[in-house]
Each structure stands twice: as C-alpha cells, then as structure tokens.
N, C-alpha and C. Protein backbone atom coordinates (compact mmCIF):
# COMPACT_ATOMS: atom_id res chain seq x y z
N MET A 1 0.82 -1.19 0.00
CA MET A 1 0.00 0.00 0.00
C MET A 1 0.86 1.25 0.00
N GLU A 2 2.00 1.19 0.66
CA GLU A 2 2.85 2.38 0.74
C GLU A 2 3.43 2.73 -0.63
N ILE A 3 3.82 1.72 -1.40
CA ILE A 3 4.33 1.98 -2.75
C ILE A 3 3.22 2.56 -3.61
N SER A 4 2.03 2.03 -3.48
CA SER A 4 0.89 2.54 -4.24
C SER A 4 0.61 4.00 -3.89
N ALA A 5 0.61 4.31 -2.60
CA ALA A 5 0.37 5.69 -2.16
C ALA A 5 1.46 6.63 -2.69
N HIS A 6 2.71 6.14 -2.65
CA HIS A 6 3.83 6.96 -3.15
C HIS A 6 3.67 7.24 -4.65
N LEU A 7 3.30 6.23 -5.41
CA LEU A 7 3.12 6.42 -6.85
C LEU A 7 1.95 7.36 -7.16
N HIS A 8 0.87 7.26 -6.39
CA HIS A 8 -0.26 8.18 -6.58
C HIS A 8 0.18 9.62 -6.32
N ARG A 9 0.94 9.84 -5.24
CA ARG A 9 1.44 11.20 -4.94
C ARG A 9 2.37 11.69 -6.05
N HIS A 10 3.25 10.81 -6.51
CA HIS A 10 4.19 11.17 -7.58
C HIS A 10 3.43 11.57 -8.86
N ALA A 11 2.40 10.81 -9.20
CA ALA A 11 1.61 11.10 -10.40
C ALA A 11 0.89 12.44 -10.26
N ASP A 12 0.35 12.70 -9.07
CA ASP A 12 -0.38 13.95 -8.85
C ASP A 12 0.53 15.16 -8.92
N LEU A 13 1.75 15.03 -8.43
CA LEU A 13 2.64 16.18 -8.33
C LEU A 13 3.55 16.38 -9.53
N SER A 14 3.93 15.30 -10.21
CA SER A 14 5.01 15.40 -11.20
C SER A 14 4.63 15.03 -12.63
N VAL A 15 3.48 14.42 -12.83
CA VAL A 15 3.17 13.89 -14.15
C VAL A 15 1.98 14.64 -14.74
N PRO A 16 2.09 15.08 -15.99
CA PRO A 16 0.99 15.82 -16.60
C PRO A 16 -0.20 14.94 -16.99
N ARG A 17 -1.34 15.52 -16.98
CA ARG A 17 -2.69 15.03 -17.34
C ARG A 17 -2.86 13.56 -17.64
N LYS A 18 -3.01 13.21 -18.91
CA LYS A 18 -3.36 11.84 -19.32
C LYS A 18 -2.29 10.83 -18.93
N GLN A 19 -1.07 11.28 -18.86
CA GLN A 19 0.02 10.39 -18.52
C GLN A 19 -0.06 9.92 -17.07
N GLN A 20 -0.81 10.66 -16.25
CA GLN A 20 -1.02 10.26 -14.86
C GLN A 20 -1.73 8.91 -14.79
N SER A 21 -2.62 8.67 -15.74
CA SER A 21 -3.42 7.45 -15.68
C SER A 21 -2.55 6.20 -15.76
N ILE A 22 -1.43 6.27 -16.46
CA ILE A 22 -0.53 5.12 -16.57
C ILE A 22 0.05 4.78 -15.20
N ILE A 23 0.59 5.77 -14.54
CA ILE A 23 1.20 5.55 -13.23
C ILE A 23 0.15 5.18 -12.19
N LYS A 24 -1.00 5.85 -12.25
CA LYS A 24 -2.06 5.56 -11.29
C LYS A 24 -2.64 4.15 -11.50
N SER A 25 -2.69 3.70 -12.72
CA SER A 25 -3.15 2.32 -12.98
C SER A 25 -2.18 1.30 -12.40
N PHE A 26 -0.91 1.57 -12.55
CA PHE A 26 0.10 0.67 -11.97
C PHE A 26 -0.01 0.69 -10.45
N ALA A 27 -0.20 1.88 -9.87
CA ALA A 27 -0.34 2.00 -8.42
C ALA A 27 -1.57 1.24 -7.93
N LYS A 28 -2.65 1.33 -8.68
CA LYS A 28 -3.88 0.61 -8.31
C LYS A 28 -3.67 -0.90 -8.40
N ALA A 29 -2.89 -1.33 -9.37
CA ALA A 29 -2.61 -2.76 -9.52
C ALA A 29 -1.86 -3.30 -8.30
N LEU A 30 -1.05 -2.48 -7.66
CA LEU A 30 -0.33 -2.92 -6.47
C LEU A 30 -1.28 -3.17 -5.29
N GLU A 31 -2.46 -2.55 -5.35
CA GLU A 31 -3.43 -2.74 -4.27
C GLU A 31 -4.16 -4.08 -4.37
N ILE A 32 -3.88 -4.83 -5.43
CA ILE A 32 -4.48 -6.16 -5.58
C ILE A 32 -4.00 -7.09 -4.47
N ILE A 33 -2.78 -6.89 -4.00
CA ILE A 33 -2.20 -7.79 -3.01
C ILE A 33 -3.02 -7.78 -1.70
N PRO A 34 -3.21 -6.62 -1.05
CA PRO A 34 -4.03 -6.66 0.17
C PRO A 34 -5.50 -7.01 -0.11
N ARG A 35 -6.00 -6.64 -1.28
CA ARG A 35 -7.39 -6.99 -1.62
C ARG A 35 -7.55 -8.52 -1.71
N GLN A 36 -6.60 -9.17 -2.35
CA GLN A 36 -6.68 -10.63 -2.48
C GLN A 36 -6.50 -11.31 -1.12
N LEU A 37 -5.63 -10.77 -0.28
CA LEU A 37 -5.47 -11.31 1.06
C LEU A 37 -6.78 -11.23 1.85
N CYS A 38 -7.47 -10.10 1.72
CA CYS A 38 -8.76 -9.93 2.40
C CYS A 38 -9.80 -10.89 1.85
N ASP A 39 -9.86 -11.02 0.54
CA ASP A 39 -10.81 -11.94 -0.08
C ASP A 39 -10.55 -13.38 0.36
N ASN A 40 -9.28 -13.77 0.41
CA ASN A 40 -8.94 -15.13 0.82
C ASN A 40 -9.32 -15.41 2.28
N ALA A 41 -9.27 -14.37 3.11
CA ALA A 41 -9.61 -14.53 4.52
C ALA A 41 -11.11 -14.37 4.77
N GLY A 42 -11.86 -13.99 3.74
CA GLY A 42 -13.30 -13.82 3.89
C GLY A 42 -13.69 -12.48 4.48
N PHE A 43 -12.80 -11.49 4.40
CA PHE A 43 -13.07 -10.16 4.95
C PHE A 43 -13.68 -9.26 3.88
N ASP A 44 -14.27 -8.14 4.33
CA ASP A 44 -14.78 -7.12 3.42
C ASP A 44 -13.59 -6.32 2.90
N ALA A 45 -13.13 -6.63 1.70
CA ALA A 45 -11.90 -6.04 1.15
C ALA A 45 -12.04 -4.54 0.96
N THR A 46 -13.19 -4.07 0.53
CA THR A 46 -13.37 -2.63 0.29
C THR A 46 -13.20 -1.83 1.57
N ASN A 47 -13.80 -2.29 2.63
CA ASN A 47 -13.71 -1.60 3.91
C ASN A 47 -12.28 -1.58 4.44
N ILE A 48 -11.61 -2.71 4.38
CA ILE A 48 -10.25 -2.80 4.91
C ILE A 48 -9.28 -1.99 4.05
N LEU A 49 -9.44 -2.01 2.73
CA LEU A 49 -8.57 -1.19 1.88
C LEU A 49 -8.76 0.29 2.16
N THR A 50 -9.98 0.70 2.40
CA THR A 50 -10.23 2.11 2.75
C THR A 50 -9.53 2.46 4.06
N GLN A 51 -9.63 1.58 5.04
CA GLN A 51 -8.94 1.81 6.31
C GLN A 51 -7.42 1.85 6.12
N LEU A 52 -6.90 0.97 5.26
CA LEU A 52 -5.46 0.97 4.99
C LEU A 52 -5.01 2.27 4.35
N ARG A 53 -5.79 2.76 3.39
CA ARG A 53 -5.44 4.03 2.74
C ARG A 53 -5.41 5.17 3.76
N VAL A 54 -6.39 5.20 4.65
CA VAL A 54 -6.45 6.24 5.67
C VAL A 54 -5.23 6.16 6.58
N GLU A 55 -4.89 4.96 7.02
CA GLU A 55 -3.73 4.79 7.90
C GLU A 55 -2.43 5.22 7.21
N HIS A 56 -2.29 4.88 5.95
CA HIS A 56 -1.07 5.27 5.24
C HIS A 56 -1.01 6.77 5.00
N ARG A 57 -2.15 7.40 4.80
CA ARG A 57 -2.17 8.87 4.66
C ARG A 57 -1.81 9.55 5.97
N LYS A 58 -2.15 8.91 7.08
CA LYS A 58 -1.80 9.45 8.40
C LYS A 58 -0.31 9.28 8.69
N GLY A 59 0.39 8.51 7.88
CA GLY A 59 1.81 8.31 8.08
C GLY A 59 2.16 6.98 8.72
N ASN A 60 1.19 6.11 8.92
CA ASN A 60 1.44 4.79 9.49
C ASN A 60 1.95 3.87 8.38
N THR A 61 3.24 3.92 8.14
CA THR A 61 3.87 3.17 7.06
C THR A 61 3.68 1.67 7.20
N TRP A 62 3.62 1.18 8.42
CA TRP A 62 3.58 -0.26 8.67
C TRP A 62 2.16 -0.80 8.80
N ALA A 63 1.16 -0.01 8.45
CA ALA A 63 -0.23 -0.48 8.53
C ALA A 63 -0.44 -1.62 7.56
N GLY A 64 -1.13 -2.66 8.03
CA GLY A 64 -1.41 -3.82 7.20
C GLY A 64 -2.69 -4.48 7.64
N VAL A 65 -3.04 -5.56 6.97
CA VAL A 65 -4.27 -6.28 7.26
C VAL A 65 -4.09 -7.08 8.55
N ASP A 66 -5.08 -6.95 9.44
CA ASP A 66 -5.10 -7.69 10.70
C ASP A 66 -6.01 -8.90 10.52
N PHE A 67 -5.42 -10.07 10.40
CA PHE A 67 -6.20 -11.29 10.15
C PHE A 67 -6.82 -11.85 11.43
N ASP A 68 -6.33 -11.41 12.58
CA ASP A 68 -6.88 -11.90 13.84
C ASP A 68 -8.20 -11.21 14.19
N ASN A 69 -8.28 -9.92 13.91
CA ASN A 69 -9.44 -9.13 14.32
C ASN A 69 -10.22 -8.53 13.15
N GLU A 70 -9.93 -8.95 11.94
CA GLU A 70 -10.58 -8.45 10.73
C GLU A 70 -10.56 -6.92 10.69
N GLY A 71 -9.38 -6.39 10.52
CA GLY A 71 -9.22 -4.94 10.47
C GLY A 71 -7.84 -4.56 10.00
N VAL A 72 -7.34 -3.45 10.53
CA VAL A 72 -6.03 -2.92 10.18
C VAL A 72 -5.21 -2.79 11.45
N ARG A 73 -3.94 -3.09 11.37
CA ARG A 73 -3.06 -2.95 12.53
C ARG A 73 -1.67 -2.52 12.08
N ASP A 74 -0.85 -2.13 13.04
CA ASP A 74 0.55 -1.81 12.79
C ASP A 74 1.31 -3.13 12.78
N ASN A 75 1.72 -3.56 11.60
CA ASN A 75 2.37 -4.86 11.47
C ASN A 75 3.76 -4.91 12.11
N MET A 76 4.39 -3.77 12.28
CA MET A 76 5.70 -3.76 12.94
C MET A 76 5.52 -4.12 14.42
N GLU A 77 4.49 -3.56 15.05
CA GLU A 77 4.23 -3.86 16.46
C GLU A 77 3.73 -5.31 16.64
N ALA A 78 3.08 -5.83 15.61
CA ALA A 78 2.55 -7.20 15.68
C ALA A 78 3.58 -8.24 15.25
N PHE A 79 4.81 -7.78 14.98
CA PHE A 79 5.91 -8.65 14.55
C PHE A 79 5.63 -9.38 13.24
N VAL A 80 4.93 -8.72 12.35
CA VAL A 80 4.72 -9.25 11.00
C VAL A 80 5.70 -8.51 10.10
N TRP A 81 6.81 -9.15 9.83
CA TRP A 81 7.87 -8.52 9.05
C TRP A 81 8.06 -9.25 7.74
N GLU A 82 8.42 -8.47 6.75
CA GLU A 82 8.70 -9.04 5.44
C GLU A 82 9.98 -8.39 4.93
N PRO A 83 10.94 -9.19 4.53
CA PRO A 83 12.20 -8.62 4.05
C PRO A 83 11.97 -7.69 2.84
N SER A 84 12.59 -6.54 2.89
CA SER A 84 12.42 -5.58 1.79
C SER A 84 12.98 -6.13 0.48
N LEU A 85 13.97 -6.99 0.58
CA LEU A 85 14.55 -7.58 -0.62
C LEU A 85 13.51 -8.40 -1.39
N VAL A 86 12.62 -9.06 -0.68
CA VAL A 86 11.56 -9.84 -1.32
C VAL A 86 10.63 -8.90 -2.09
N LYS A 87 10.25 -7.79 -1.45
CA LYS A 87 9.35 -6.83 -2.11
C LYS A 87 10.02 -6.20 -3.33
N ILE A 88 11.27 -5.82 -3.17
CA ILE A 88 12.00 -5.19 -4.28
C ILE A 88 12.08 -6.14 -5.46
N ASN A 89 12.43 -7.39 -5.19
CA ASN A 89 12.54 -8.38 -6.28
C ASN A 89 11.19 -8.64 -6.94
N ALA A 90 10.12 -8.70 -6.16
CA ALA A 90 8.79 -8.94 -6.72
C ALA A 90 8.35 -7.78 -7.62
N VAL A 91 8.53 -6.56 -7.14
CA VAL A 91 8.14 -5.39 -7.94
C VAL A 91 9.01 -5.28 -9.18
N GLN A 92 10.29 -5.51 -9.03
CA GLN A 92 11.20 -5.43 -10.17
C GLN A 92 10.85 -6.49 -11.22
N ALA A 93 10.53 -7.70 -10.79
CA ALA A 93 10.16 -8.76 -11.73
C ALA A 93 8.86 -8.42 -12.46
N ALA A 94 7.90 -7.85 -11.75
CA ALA A 94 6.63 -7.46 -12.37
C ALA A 94 6.83 -6.37 -13.41
N ILE A 95 7.66 -5.40 -13.08
CA ILE A 95 7.91 -4.30 -14.02
C ILE A 95 8.69 -4.80 -15.23
N GLU A 96 9.68 -5.65 -15.00
CA GLU A 96 10.44 -6.19 -16.13
C GLU A 96 9.55 -7.02 -17.04
N ALA A 97 8.61 -7.77 -16.46
CA ALA A 97 7.67 -8.54 -17.27
C ALA A 97 6.79 -7.62 -18.10
N SER A 98 6.34 -6.52 -17.50
CA SER A 98 5.51 -5.55 -18.24
C SER A 98 6.30 -4.93 -19.39
N CYS A 99 7.54 -4.56 -19.10
CA CYS A 99 8.39 -3.98 -20.16
C CYS A 99 8.65 -5.00 -21.27
N LEU A 100 8.84 -6.26 -20.91
CA LEU A 100 9.07 -7.31 -21.89
C LEU A 100 7.84 -7.51 -22.78
N ILE A 101 6.66 -7.52 -22.17
CA ILE A 101 5.43 -7.66 -22.94
C ILE A 101 5.28 -6.50 -23.92
N LEU A 102 5.59 -5.29 -23.45
CA LEU A 102 5.49 -4.13 -24.33
C LEU A 102 6.52 -4.19 -25.46
N SER A 103 7.72 -4.68 -25.16
CA SER A 103 8.74 -4.75 -26.21
C SER A 103 8.40 -5.83 -27.23
N VAL A 104 7.80 -6.96 -26.80
CA VAL A 104 7.36 -7.99 -27.73
C VAL A 104 6.24 -7.45 -28.60
N ASP A 105 5.33 -6.72 -27.99
CA ASP A 105 4.23 -6.11 -28.73
C ASP A 105 4.78 -5.11 -29.76
N GLU A 106 5.83 -4.40 -29.38
CA GLU A 106 6.46 -3.44 -30.29
C GLU A 106 7.10 -4.17 -31.47
N THR A 107 7.69 -5.32 -31.22
CA THR A 107 8.34 -6.10 -32.27
C THR A 107 7.31 -6.66 -33.25
N ILE A 108 6.18 -7.11 -32.73
CA ILE A 108 5.15 -7.71 -33.58
C ILE A 108 4.49 -6.67 -34.47
N ARG A 109 4.23 -5.50 -33.91
CA ARG A 109 3.58 -4.45 -34.70
C ARG A 109 4.61 -3.69 -35.54
N LYS A 110 4.25 -3.38 -36.76
CA LYS A 110 5.14 -2.56 -37.58
C LYS A 110 4.99 -1.10 -37.22
N PHE A 111 3.77 -0.69 -36.96
CA PHE A 111 3.52 0.70 -36.57
C PHE A 111 3.03 0.69 -35.13
N GLN A 112 3.70 1.50 -34.32
CA GLN A 112 3.32 1.57 -32.92
C GLN A 112 2.94 3.01 -32.57
N PRO A 113 1.76 3.22 -32.02
CA PRO A 113 1.37 4.56 -31.62
C PRO A 113 2.31 5.11 -30.55
N PRO A 114 2.50 6.41 -30.52
CA PRO A 114 3.41 7.00 -29.54
C PRO A 114 2.99 6.73 -28.10
N SER A 115 1.71 6.54 -27.83
CA SER A 115 1.26 6.32 -26.46
C SER A 115 1.82 5.02 -25.90
N ARG A 116 1.97 3.99 -26.71
CA ARG A 116 2.51 2.72 -26.22
C ARG A 116 4.00 2.87 -25.90
N LEU A 117 4.73 3.62 -26.72
CA LEU A 117 6.13 3.88 -26.40
C LEU A 117 6.24 4.63 -25.09
N PHE A 118 5.33 5.59 -24.88
CA PHE A 118 5.34 6.34 -23.64
C PHE A 118 5.05 5.44 -22.46
N LEU A 119 4.10 4.51 -22.61
CA LEU A 119 3.75 3.58 -21.55
C LEU A 119 4.97 2.76 -21.14
N GLN A 120 5.71 2.27 -22.12
CA GLN A 120 6.89 1.47 -21.83
C GLN A 120 7.93 2.30 -21.07
N SER A 121 8.15 3.54 -21.50
CA SER A 121 9.13 4.38 -20.82
C SER A 121 8.67 4.73 -19.41
N GLN A 122 7.35 4.91 -19.20
CA GLN A 122 6.84 5.22 -17.87
C GLN A 122 7.01 4.04 -16.92
N LEU A 123 6.74 2.82 -17.40
CA LEU A 123 6.92 1.64 -16.55
C LEU A 123 8.38 1.48 -16.15
N CYS A 124 9.28 1.72 -17.08
CA CYS A 124 10.70 1.61 -16.76
C CYS A 124 11.13 2.70 -15.79
N SER A 125 10.55 3.91 -15.91
CA SER A 125 10.89 4.98 -14.98
C SER A 125 10.29 4.71 -13.61
N ILE A 126 9.12 4.05 -13.55
CA ILE A 126 8.53 3.66 -12.26
C ILE A 126 9.46 2.68 -11.56
N GLN A 127 10.03 1.76 -12.34
CA GLN A 127 10.94 0.77 -11.78
C GLN A 127 12.13 1.49 -11.12
N LYS A 128 12.69 2.46 -11.81
CA LYS A 128 13.84 3.19 -11.25
C LYS A 128 13.42 3.96 -10.01
N LEU A 129 12.21 4.54 -10.01
CA LEU A 129 11.72 5.31 -8.89
C LEU A 129 11.54 4.44 -7.65
N ILE A 130 11.01 3.22 -7.83
CA ILE A 130 10.76 2.33 -6.70
C ILE A 130 12.06 1.74 -6.17
N ILE A 131 12.93 1.33 -7.08
CA ILE A 131 14.15 0.64 -6.65
C ILE A 131 15.12 1.59 -5.98
N PHE A 132 15.21 2.80 -6.48
CA PHE A 132 16.17 3.74 -5.93
C PHE A 132 15.44 4.70 -5.11
C-alpha cells in the first residue's frame, strides 16, 4: 500500500494530465495484493482497503491487514515482518515482465502509436523510482 500511495502522490505532483493514468493504474494494480489477502480470509476487502489508505495517509507506514481481528493494525508492532529484498525483487520482476510484454508487442507491430512507447518508458521509470 505504501508503494501505491507513493506512486499516486508522484503522479499527482510530477506527471501531466493523461500520462497520470498510466502511473495511477500501476499503483492501483499494487493494491491487488491486500485486496486478495482480504478476499482469501473472507473479509470485506473494500472496507479494509479504505482503512489501509487512511492509515497510510496518516503516516502509518507499517499499517497492514489484521487477520486476527478483521481490520487494520501496525504490522511492525505485531511482529509481522517481510524482508524488503523480497518486495523489491517482486516489484522489479513485475515491471520487467511488463516492459518485456510491451517490447514484444512493439516487435510484432510494424507501426506503434506514440502512447505505447510512452507507456513502456513510464513503466521503466517507475521501476527506477521504486528501486532507488
């Protein structure tokens, strides 16, 4: 959720009009992870995601899904830790896969609209933004 919130802020502050939708769509895709966790646990995903967004806006970086009480909690205090290297590798692999799909699509098509080239460059710049 924190990466998603960061990308939404970056798009709002630094990216012009229509191009914001590319970054915001990627940020929204990252919210699939807590949504799927809630669905798998039988929780109301919409309610919990709203609570997570509020907590992250308040600055609670470690807010996560509370599976014991069906809500949101500070995962650092609850000793729910995840190595950052795992997250970095997962996000990097997802972005590289997206860039690969776009480059294959570019190879197959003889004519490529400028918007698709822009999408590929934005995904690669998101990767650099998240990793560094």
